[in-house]
Amino acid sequence: MEIFHWSFTKTVSAGSIVVNDTAVHFTLPTLPFGGVGESGIGSYSFDAFSHKKSVLFKSFLGDSAIRYPPYSRKMLRLLKALVNSNLVDTFKVLLGLS
């Protein structure tokens, strides 16, 4: 199956490809957002003449419970720390200090 995924990503003209989990693309700020050709976001220099393609594979092994409600108070504090990219608060929650 993985061979099919890689051959598919090499032949399809797309700005981004996510396999098995489309929502996770928006949680990763390092992945480029945009398309190919007229659907892309304008840019200059090297970016104007090349196309980045983000490719993300997710296994079928299941998701982390953190992704789905209902959330406990501790889970809400952890999610808030993760969304705000606050590493100190994230560790405090994980260690039970918050």
PDB file of N, CA and C in Angstrom:
ATOM      1  N   MET A   1       0.819  -1.195   0.000  1.00  0.00           N
ATOM      2  CA  MET A   1       0.000   0.000   0.000  1.00  0.00           C
ATOM      3  C   MET A   1       0.866   1.263   0.000  1.00  0.00           C
ATOM      4  N   GLU A   2       1.976   1.224   0.724  1.00  0.00           N
ATOM      5  CA  GLU A   2       2.840   2.400   0.795  1.00  0.00           C
ATOM      6  C   GLU A   2       3.437   2.737  -0.568  1.00  0.00           C
ATOM      7  N   ILE A   3       3.745   1.735  -1.364  1.00  0.00           N
ATOM      8  CA  ILE A   3       4.266   1.970  -2.714  1.00  0.00           C
ATOM      9  C   ILE A   3       3.227   2.718  -3.541  1.00  0.00           C
ATOM     10  N   PHE A   4       1.961   2.338  -3.393  1.00  0.00           N
ATOM     11  CA  PHE A   4       0.890   3.037  -4.102  1.00  0.00           C
ATOM     12  C   PHE A   4       0.816   4.489  -3.657  1.00  0.00           C
ATOM     13  N   HIS A   5       0.910   4.736  -2.340  1.00  0.00           N
ATOM     14  CA  HIS A   5       0.853   6.111  -1.830  1.00  0.00           C
ATOM     15  C   HIS A   5       1.938   6.973  -2.462  1.00  0.00           C
ATOM     16  N   TRP A   6       3.172   6.466  -2.471  1.00  0.00           N
ATOM     17  CA  TRP A   6       4.278   7.252  -3.020  1.00  0.00           C
ATOM     18  C   TRP A   6       4.133   7.471  -4.521  1.00  0.00           C
ATOM     19  N   SER A   7       3.707   6.457  -5.259  1.00  0.00           N
ATOM     20  CA  SER A   7       3.536   6.650  -6.703  1.00  0.00           C
ATOM     21  C   SER A   7       2.398   7.623  -6.976  1.00  0.00           C
ATOM     22  N   PHE A   8       1.369   7.591  -6.159  1.00  0.00           N
ATOM     23  CA  PHE A   8       0.251   8.526  -6.302  1.00  0.00           C
ATOM     24  C   PHE A   8       0.709   9.962  -6.070  1.00  0.00           C
ATOM     25  N   THR A   9       1.484  10.193  -5.015  1.00  0.00           N
ATOM     26  CA  THR A   9       1.924  11.554  -4.701  1.00  0.00           C
ATOM     27  C   THR A   9       2.875  12.115  -5.746  1.00  0.00           C
ATOM     28  N   LYS A  10       3.598  11.248  -6.428  1.00  0.00           N
ATOM     29  CA  LYS A  10       4.522  11.720  -7.461  1.00  0.00           C
ATOM     30  C   LYS A  10       3.819  12.042  -8.772  1.00  0.00           C
ATOM     31  N   THR A  11       2.653  11.464  -9.010  1.00  0.00           N
ATOM     32  CA  THR A  11       1.970  11.675 -10.290  1.00  0.00           C
ATOM     33  C   THR A  11       0.863  12.715 -10.230  1.00  0.00           C
ATOM     34  N   VAL A  12       0.365  13.023  -9.050  1.00  0.00           N
ATOM     35  CA  VAL A  12      -0.730  13.982  -8.917  1.00  0.00           C
ATOM     36  C   VAL A  12      -0.164  15.386  -8.743  1.00  0.00           C
ATOM     37  N   SER A  13      -0.692  16.334  -9.499  1.00  0.00           N
ATOM     38  CA  SER A  13      -0.291  17.729  -9.357  1.00  0.00           C
ATOM     39  C   SER A  13      -1.174  18.359  -8.288  1.00  0.00           C
ATOM     40  N   ALA A  14      -0.567  18.618  -7.125  1.00  0.00           N
ATOM     41  CA  ALA A  14      -1.333  19.158  -6.002  1.00  0.00           C
ATOM     42  C   ALA A  14      -0.415  19.963  -5.103  1.00  0.00           C
ATOM     43  N   GLY A  15      -0.994  20.909  -4.389  1.00  0.00           N
ATOM     44  CA  GLY A  15      -0.233  21.692  -3.426  1.00  0.00           C
ATOM     45  C   GLY A  15       0.036  20.915  -2.159  1.00  0.00           C
ATOM     46  N   SER A  16      -0.916  20.087  -1.750  1.00  0.00           N
ATOM     47  CA  SER A  16      -0.779  19.267  -0.546  1.00  0.00           C
ATOM     48  C   SER A  16      -1.540  17.973  -0.724  1.00  0.00           C
ATOM     49  N   ILE A  17      -1.021  16.935  -0.134  1.00  0.00           N
ATOM     50  CA  ILE A  17      -1.692  15.639  -0.134  1.00  0.00           C
ATOM     51  C   ILE A  17      -1.613  15.097   1.286  1.00  0.00           C
ATOM     52  N   VAL A  18      -2.751  14.728   1.840  1.00  0.00           N
ATOM     53  CA  VAL A  18      -2.800  14.094   3.152  1.00  0.00           C
ATOM     54  C   VAL A  18      -3.520  12.768   2.983  1.00  0.00           C
ATOM     55  N   VAL A  19      -2.903  11.704   3.438  1.00  0.00           N
ATOM     56  CA  VAL A  19      -3.478  10.370   3.303  1.00  0.00           C
ATOM     57  C   VAL A  19      -4.054   9.942   4.646  1.00  0.00           C
ATOM     58  N   ASN A  20      -5.339   9.627   4.670  1.00  0.00           N
ATOM     59  CA  ASN A  20      -6.059   9.059   5.813  1.00  0.00           C
ATOM     60  C   ASN A  20      -6.416  10.035   6.927  1.00  0.00           C
ATOM     61  N   ASP A  21      -6.092  11.308   6.832  1.00  0.00           N
ATOM     62  CA  ASP A  21      -6.445  12.240   7.905  1.00  0.00           C
ATOM     63  C   ASP A  21      -6.355  13.678   7.408  1.00  0.00           C
ATOM     64  N   THR A  22      -7.399  14.172   6.787  1.00  0.00           N
ATOM     65  CA  THR A  22      -7.344  15.503   6.183  1.00  0.00           C
ATOM     66  C   THR A  22      -7.292  16.627   7.199  1.00  0.00           C
ATOM     67  N   ALA A  23      -7.896  16.471   8.358  1.00  0.00           N
ATOM     68  CA  ALA A  23      -7.948  17.564   9.330  1.00  0.00           C
ATOM     69  C   ALA A  23      -6.586  17.895   9.917  1.00  0.00           C
ATOM     70  N   VAL A  24      -5.683  16.943   9.962  1.00  0.00           N
ATOM     71  CA  VAL A  24      -4.395  17.172  10.601  1.00  0.00           C
ATOM     72  C   VAL A  24      -3.530  18.162   9.814  1.00  0.00           C
ATOM     73  N   HIS A  25      -3.792  18.355   8.539  1.00  0.00           N
ATOM     74  CA  HIS A  25      -3.014  19.304   7.729  1.00  0.00           C
ATOM     75  C   HIS A  25      -3.053  20.702   8.331  1.00  0.00           C
ATOM     76  N   PHE A  26      -4.210  21.113   8.824  1.00  0.00           N
ATOM     77  CA  PHE A  26      -4.360  22.471   9.343  1.00  0.00           C
ATOM     78  C   PHE A  26      -3.751  22.642  10.728  1.00  0.00           C
ATOM     79  N   THR A  27      -3.398  21.549  11.387  1.00  0.00           N
ATOM     80  CA  THR A  27      -2.772  21.649  12.703  1.00  0.00           C
ATOM     81  C   THR A  27      -1.257  21.730  12.618  1.00  0.00           C
ATOM     82  N   LEU A  28      -0.710  21.609  11.416  1.00  0.00           N
ATOM     83  CA  LEU A  28       0.743  21.642  11.229  1.00  0.00           C
ATOM     84  C   LEU A  28       1.137  22.910  10.478  1.00  0.00           C
ATOM     85  N   PRO A  29       1.536  23.959  11.198  1.00  0.00           N
ATOM     86  CA  PRO A  29       1.832  25.236  10.546  1.00  0.00           C
ATOM     87  C   PRO A  29       3.027  25.188   9.608  1.00  0.00           C
ATOM     88  N   THR A  30       3.849  24.157   9.673  1.00  0.00           N
ATOM     89  CA  THR A  30       5.012  24.080   8.792  1.00  0.00           C
ATOM     90  C   THR A  30       4.664  23.566   7.406  1.00  0.00           C
ATOM     91  N   LEU A  31       3.479  22.986   7.242  1.00  0.00           N
ATOM     92  CA  LEU A  31       3.074  22.535   5.914  1.00  0.00           C
ATOM     93  C   LEU A  31       2.603  23.730   5.102  1.00  0.00           C
ATOM     94  N   PRO A  32       3.016  23.843   3.849  1.00  0.00           N
ATOM     95  CA  PRO A  32       2.578  24.978   3.029  1.00  0.00           C
ATOM     96  C   PRO A  32       1.093  24.886   2.721  1.00  0.00           C
ATOM     97  N   PHE A  33       0.460  26.040   2.585  1.00  0.00           N
ATOM     98  CA  PHE A  33      -0.949  26.089   2.227  1.00  0.00           C
ATOM     99  C   PHE A  33      -1.064  26.781   0.884  1.00  0.00           C
ATOM    100  N   GLY A  34      -1.608  26.111  -0.071  1.00  0.00           N
ATOM    101  CA  GLY A  34      -1.751  26.681  -1.407  1.00  0.00           C
ATOM    102  C   GLY A  34      -1.878  25.579  -2.424  1.00  0.00           C
ATOM    103  N   GLY A  35      -2.118  25.958  -3.633  1.00  0.00           N
ATOM    104  CA  GLY A  35      -2.331  24.978  -4.680  1.00  0.00           C
ATOM    105  C   GLY A  35      -1.287  25.071  -5.766  1.00  0.00           C
ATOM    106  N   VAL A  36      -1.661  24.601  -6.942  1.00  0.00           N
ATOM    107  CA  VAL A  36      -0.779  24.595  -8.104  1.00  0.00           C
ATOM    108  C   VAL A  36      -1.421  25.445  -9.182  1.00  0.00           C
ATOM    109  N   GLY A  37      -0.623  26.220  -9.887  1.00  0.00           N
ATOM    110  CA  GLY A  37      -1.154  27.050 -10.967  1.00  0.00           C
ATOM    111  C   GLY A  37      -1.992  28.198 -10.433  1.00  0.00           C
ATOM    112  N   GLU A  38      -3.167  28.397 -11.005  1.00  0.00           N
ATOM    113  CA  GLU A  38      -4.035  29.509 -10.625  1.00  0.00           C
ATOM    114  C   GLU A  38      -4.595  29.371  -9.212  1.00  0.00           C
ATOM    115  N   SER A  39      -4.579  28.167  -8.662  1.00  0.00           N
ATOM    116  CA  SER A  39      -5.137  27.991  -7.321  1.00  0.00           C
ATOM    117  C   SER A  39      -4.116  28.244  -6.223  1.00  0.00           C
ATOM    118  N   GLY A  40      -2.885  28.526  -6.582  1.00  0.00           N
ATOM    119  CA  GLY A  40      -1.840  28.753  -5.587  1.00  0.00           C
ATOM    120  C   GLY A  40      -1.886  30.160  -5.021  1.00  0.00           C
ATOM    121  N   ILE A  41      -1.086  30.386  -4.010  1.00  0.00           N
ATOM    122  CA  ILE A  41      -0.970  31.703  -3.398  1.00  0.00           C
ATOM    123  C   ILE A  41       0.223  32.394  -4.037  1.00  0.00           C
ATOM    124  N   GLY A  42       0.071  33.650  -4.440  1.00  0.00           N
ATOM    125  CA  GLY A  42       1.119  34.354  -5.172  1.00  0.00           C
ATOM    126  C   GLY A  42       2.418  34.499  -4.399  1.00  0.00           C
ATOM    127  N   SER A  43       3.539  34.459  -5.110  1.00  0.00           N
ATOM    128  CA  SER A  43       4.850  34.661  -4.497  1.00  0.00           C
ATOM    129  C   SER A  43       5.848  35.060  -5.575  1.00  0.00           C
ATOM    130  N   TYR A  44       7.052  35.423  -5.150  1.00  0.00           N
ATOM    131  CA  TYR A  44       8.079  35.863  -6.083  1.00  0.00           C
ATOM    132  C   TYR A  44       9.328  35.025  -5.910  1.00  0.00           C
ATOM    133  N   SER A  45      10.317  35.279  -6.730  1.00  0.00           N
ATOM    134  CA  SER A  45      11.627  34.612  -6.725  1.00  0.00           C
ATOM    135  C   SER A  45      11.494  33.115  -6.946  1.00  0.00           C
ATOM    136  N   PHE A  46      12.278  32.347  -6.213  1.00  0.00           N
ATOM    137  CA  PHE A  46      12.306  30.896  -6.415  1.00  0.00           C
ATOM    138  C   PHE A  46      10.926  30.270  -6.244  1.00  0.00           C
ATOM    139  N   ASP A  47      10.173  30.750  -5.266  1.00  0.00           N
ATOM    140  CA  ASP A  47       8.846  30.192  -5.010  1.00  0.00           C
ATOM    141  C   ASP A  47       7.909  30.368  -6.197  1.00  0.00           C
ATOM    142  N   ALA A  48       8.118  31.415  -6.990  1.00  0.00           N
ATOM    143  CA  ALA A  48       7.241  31.655  -8.137  1.00  0.00           C
ATOM    144  C   ALA A  48       7.451  30.628  -9.241  1.00  0.00           C
ATOM    145  N   PHE A  49       8.605  29.981  -9.263  1.00  0.00           N
ATOM    146  CA  PHE A  49       8.918  29.055 -10.346  1.00  0.00           C
ATOM    147  C   PHE A  49       9.015  27.600  -9.886  1.00  0.00           C
ATOM    148  N   SER A  50       8.609  27.337  -8.690  1.00  0.00           N
ATOM    149  CA  SER A  50       8.618  25.959  -8.193  1.00  0.00           C
ATOM    150  C   SER A  50       7.341  25.712  -7.398  1.00  0.00           C
ATOM    151  N   HIS A  51       7.034  24.466  -7.185  1.00  0.00           N
ATOM    152  CA  HIS A  51       5.835  24.103  -6.433  1.00  0.00           C
ATOM    153  C   HIS A  51       6.210  23.125  -5.337  1.00  0.00           C
ATOM    154  N   LYS A  52       5.985  23.542  -4.105  1.00  0.00           N
ATOM    155  CA  LYS A  52       6.186  22.641  -2.977  1.00  0.00           C
ATOM    156  C   LYS A  52       4.956  21.752  -2.874  1.00  0.00           C
ATOM    157  N   LYS A  53       5.164  20.560  -2.461  1.00  0.00           N
ATOM    158  CA  LYS A  53       4.048  19.650  -2.236  1.00  0.00           C
ATOM    159  C   LYS A  53       4.243  18.997  -0.879  1.00  0.00           C
ATOM    160  N   SER A  54       3.345  19.276   0.024  1.00  0.00           N
ATOM    161  CA  SER A  54       3.423  18.600   1.315  1.00  0.00           C
ATOM    162  C   SER A  54       2.716  17.256   1.203  1.00  0.00           C
ATOM    163  N   VAL A  55       3.325  16.255   1.799  1.00  0.00           N
ATOM    164  CA  VAL A  55       2.761  14.903   1.790  1.00  0.00           C
ATOM    165  C   VAL A  55       2.787  14.388   3.216  1.00  0.00           C
ATOM    166  N   LEU A  56       1.640  13.958   3.715  1.00  0.00           N
ATOM    167  CA  LEU A  56       1.525  13.463   5.078  1.00  0.00           C
ATOM    168  C   LEU A  56       0.800  12.132   5.055  1.00  0.00           C
ATOM    169  N   PHE A  57       1.409  11.117   5.628  1.00  0.00           N
ATOM    170  CA  PHE A  57       0.785   9.798   5.717  1.00  0.00           C
ATOM    171  C   PHE A  57       0.378   9.534   7.158  1.00  0.00           C
ATOM    172  N   LYS A  58      -0.794   9.008   7.339  1.00  0.00           N
ATOM    173  CA  LYS A  58      -1.267   8.612   8.659  1.00  0.00           C
ATOM    174  C   LYS A  58      -1.636   7.144   8.604  1.00  0.00           C
ATOM    175  N   SER A  59      -1.231   6.417   9.613  1.00  0.00           N
ATOM    176  CA  SER A  59      -1.531   4.984   9.631  1.00  0.00           C
ATOM    177  C   SER A  59      -2.986   4.747  10.030  1.00  0.00           C
ATOM    178  N   PHE A  60      -3.415   3.517   9.913  1.00  0.00           N
ATOM    179  CA  PHE A  60      -4.762   3.126  10.307  1.00  0.00           C
ATOM    180  C   PHE A  60      -4.805   2.634  11.752  1.00  0.00           C
ATOM    181  N   LEU A  61      -3.751   2.829  12.516  1.00  0.00           N
ATOM    182  CA  LEU A  61      -3.647   2.243  13.849  1.00  0.00           C
ATOM    183  C   LEU A  61      -4.506   2.926  14.902  1.00  0.00           C
ATOM    184  N   GLY A  62      -5.186   3.965  14.570  1.00  0.00           N
ATOM    185  CA  GLY A  62      -6.046   4.622  15.543  1.00  0.00           C
ATOM    186  C   GLY A  62      -5.544   6.002  15.898  1.00  0.00           C
ATOM    187  N   ASP A  63      -6.422   6.747  16.508  1.00  0.00           N
ATOM    188  CA  ASP A  63      -6.118   8.122  16.869  1.00  0.00           C
ATOM    189  C   ASP A  63      -5.923   8.250  18.371  1.00  0.00           C
ATOM    190  N   SER A  64      -5.256   9.304  18.745  1.00  0.00           N
ATOM    191  CA  SER A  64      -5.082   9.619  20.150  1.00  0.00           C
ATOM    192  C   SER A  64      -6.404  10.134  20.713  1.00  0.00           C
ATOM    193  N   ALA A  65      -6.683   9.792  21.947  1.00  0.00           N
ATOM    194  CA  ALA A  65      -7.926  10.228  22.597  1.00  0.00           C
ATOM    195  C   ALA A  65      -7.994  11.747  22.723  1.00  0.00           C
ATOM    196  N   ILE A  66      -6.854  12.415  22.657  1.00  0.00           N
ATOM    197  CA  ILE A  66      -6.830  13.873  22.805  1.00  0.00           C
ATOM    198  C   ILE A  66      -7.584  14.584  21.676  1.00  0.00           C
ATOM    199  N   ARG A  67      -7.800  13.891  20.569  1.00  0.00           N
ATOM    200  CA  ARG A  67      -8.448  14.524  19.419  1.00  0.00           C
ATOM    201  C   ARG A  67      -9.960  14.621  19.540  1.00  0.00           C
ATOM    202  N   TYR A  68     -10.564  13.861  20.441  1.00  0.00           N
ATOM    203  CA  TYR A  68     -12.022  13.761  20.448  1.00  0.00           C
ATOM    204  C   TYR A  68     -12.615  14.076  21.818  1.00  0.00           C
ATOM    205  N   PRO A  69     -13.726  14.834  21.841  1.00  0.00           N
ATOM    206  CA  PRO A  69     -14.414  15.107  23.104  1.00  0.00           C
ATOM    207  C   PRO A  69     -15.141  13.853  23.591  1.00  0.00           C
ATOM    208  N   PRO A  70     -15.599  13.818  24.809  1.00  0.00           N
ATOM    209  CA  PRO A  70     -15.568  14.887  25.816  1.00  0.00           C
ATOM    210  C   PRO A  70     -14.175  15.016  26.435  1.00  0.00           C
ATOM    211  N   TYR A  71     -13.844  16.240  26.837  1.00  0.00           N
ATOM    212  CA  TYR A  71     -12.532  16.523  27.389  1.00  0.00           C
ATOM    213  C   TYR A  71     -12.625  16.755  28.893  1.00  0.00           C
ATOM    214  N   SER A  72     -11.686  16.208  29.623  1.00  0.00           N
ATOM    215  CA  SER A  72     -11.584  16.500  31.050  1.00  0.00           C
ATOM    216  C   SER A  72     -10.959  17.890  31.207  1.00  0.00           C
ATOM    217  N   ARG A  73     -10.974  18.404  32.423  1.00  0.00           N
ATOM    218  CA  ARG A  73     -10.344  19.719  32.655  1.00  0.00           C
ATOM    219  C   ARG A  73      -8.850  19.671  32.331  1.00  0.00           C
ATOM    220  N   LYS A  74      -8.201  18.569  32.724  1.00  0.00           N
ATOM    221  CA  LYS A  74      -6.771  18.428  32.440  1.00  0.00           C
ATOM    222  C   LYS A  74      -6.530  18.395  30.934  1.00  0.00           C
ATOM    223  N   MET A  75      -7.383  17.684  30.202  1.00  0.00           N
ATOM    224  CA  MET A  75      -7.222  17.593  28.753  1.00  0.00           C
ATOM    225  C   MET A  75      -7.422  18.961  28.103  1.00  0.00           C
ATOM    226  N   LEU A  76      -8.380  19.740  28.599  1.00  0.00           N
ATOM    227  CA  LEU A  76      -8.595  21.091  28.058  1.00  0.00           C
ATOM    228  C   LEU A  76      -7.381  21.981  28.303  1.00  0.00           C
ATOM    229  N   ARG A  77      -6.788  21.883  29.502  1.00  0.00           N
ATOM    230  CA  ARG A  77      -5.575  22.671  29.778  1.00  0.00           C
ATOM    231  C   ARG A  77      -4.437  22.253  28.850  1.00  0.00           C
ATOM    232  N   LEU A  78      -4.317  20.948  28.620  1.00  0.00           N
ATOM    233  CA  LEU A  78      -3.270  20.450  27.728  1.00  0.00           C
ATOM    234  C   LEU A  78      -3.489  20.933  26.300  1.00  0.00           C
ATOM    235  N   LEU A  79      -4.714  20.849  25.807  1.00  0.00           N
ATOM    236  CA  LEU A  79      -5.014  21.315  24.450  1.00  0.00           C
ATOM    237  C   LEU A  79      -4.743  22.805  24.299  1.00  0.00           C
ATOM    238  N   LYS A  80      -5.137  23.582  25.307  1.00  0.00           N
ATOM    239  CA  LYS A  80      -4.900  25.032  25.255  1.00  0.00           C
ATOM    240  C   LYS A  80      -3.402  25.324  25.196  1.00  0.00           C
ATOM    241  N   ALA A  81      -2.615  24.623  25.997  1.00  0.00           N
ATOM    242  CA  ALA A  81      -1.163  24.820  25.990  1.00  0.00           C
ATOM    243  C   ALA A  81      -0.568  24.421  24.646  1.00  0.00           C
ATOM    244  N   LEU A  82      -1.058  23.324  24.065  1.00  0.00           N
ATOM    245  CA  LEU A  82      -0.549  22.880  22.764  1.00  0.00           C
ATOM    246  C   LEU A  82      -0.914  23.856  21.653  1.00  0.00           C
ATOM    247  N   VAL A  83      -2.155  24.323  21.648  1.00  0.00           N
ATOM    248  CA  VAL A  83      -2.606  25.255  20.608  1.00  0.00           C
ATOM    249  C   VAL A  83      -1.840  26.567  20.694  1.00  0.00           C
ATOM    250  N   ASN A  84      -1.544  27.006  21.899  1.00  0.00           N
ATOM    251  CA  ASN A  84      -0.801  28.258  22.084  1.00  0.00           C
ATOM    252  C   ASN A  84       0.707  28.060  21.961  1.00  0.00           C
ATOM    253  N   SER A  85       1.140  26.853  21.644  1.00  0.00           N
ATOM    254  CA  SER A  85       2.567  26.524  21.507  1.00  0.00           C
ATOM    255  C   SER A  85       3.359  26.907  22.746  1.00  0.00           C
ATOM    256  N   ASN A  86       2.750  26.711  23.915  1.00  0.00           N
ATOM    257  CA  ASN A  86       3.405  27.046  25.170  1.00  0.00           C
ATOM    258  C   ASN A  86       4.014  25.773  25.754  1.00  0.00           C
ATOM    259  N   LEU A  87       5.295  25.583  25.528  1.00  0.00           N
ATOM    260  CA  LEU A  87       5.983  24.364  25.938  1.00  0.00           C
ATOM    261  C   LEU A  87       6.016  24.201  27.453  1.00  0.00           C
ATOM    262  N   VAL A  88       6.224  25.291  28.177  1.00  0.00           N
ATOM    263  CA  VAL A  88       6.291  25.225  29.642  1.00  0.00           C
ATOM    264  C   VAL A  88       4.955  24.759  30.208  1.00  0.00           C
ATOM    265  N   ASP A  89       3.850  25.377  29.762  1.00  0.00           N
ATOM    266  CA  ASP A  89       2.526  24.978  30.245  1.00  0.00           C
ATOM    267  C   ASP A  89       2.196  23.545  29.852  1.00  0.00           C
ATOM    268  N   THR A  90       2.622  23.133  28.664  1.00  0.00           N
ATOM    269  CA  THR A  90       2.374  21.759  28.222  1.00  0.00           C
ATOM    270  C   THR A  90       3.025  20.771  29.179  1.00  0.00           C
ATOM    271  N   PHE A  91       4.286  21.006  29.533  1.00  0.00           N
ATOM    272  CA  PHE A  91       4.968  20.104  30.464  1.00  0.00           C
ATOM    273  C   PHE A  91       4.350  20.160  31.857  1.00  0.00           C
ATOM    274  N   LYS A  92       3.911  21.348  32.293  1.00  0.00           N
ATOM    275  CA  LYS A  92       3.259  21.458  33.600  1.00  0.00           C
ATOM    276  C   LYS A  92       2.011  20.581  33.655  1.00  0.00           C
ATOM    277  N   VAL A  93       1.205  20.636  32.600  1.00  0.00           N
ATOM    278  CA  VAL A  93      -0.015  19.830  32.563  1.00  0.00           C
ATOM    279  C   VAL A  93       0.338  18.350  32.543  1.00  0.00           C
ATOM    280  N   LEU A  94       1.296  17.972  31.713  1.00  0.00           N
ATOM    281  CA  LEU A  94       1.678  16.560  31.613  1.00  0.00           C
ATOM    282  C   LEU A  94       2.238  16.018  32.926  1.00  0.00           C
ATOM    283  N   LEU A  95       2.923  16.864  33.677  1.00  0.00           N
ATOM    284  CA  LEU A  95       3.510  16.439  34.947  1.00  0.00           C
ATOM    285  C   LEU A  95       2.559  16.613  36.124  1.00  0.00           C
ATOM    286  N   GLY A  96       1.353  17.125  35.859  1.00  0.00           N
ATOM    287  CA  GLY A  96       0.374  17.308  36.928  1.00  0.00           C
ATOM    288  C   GLY A  96       0.645  18.509  37.803  1.00  0.00           C
ATOM    289  N   LEU A  97       1.400  19.468  37.315  1.00  0.00           N
ATOM    290  CA  LEU A  97       1.739  20.662  38.088  1.00  0.00           C
ATOM    291  C   LEU A  97       0.809  21.828  37.807  1.00  0.00           C
ATOM    292  N   SER A  98      -0.140  21.640  36.928  1.00  0.00           N
ATOM    293  CA  SER A  98      -1.054  22.732  36.569  1.00  0.00           C
ATOM    294  C   SER A  98      -2.486  22.279  36.735  1.00  0.00           C
TER     295      SER A  98
END
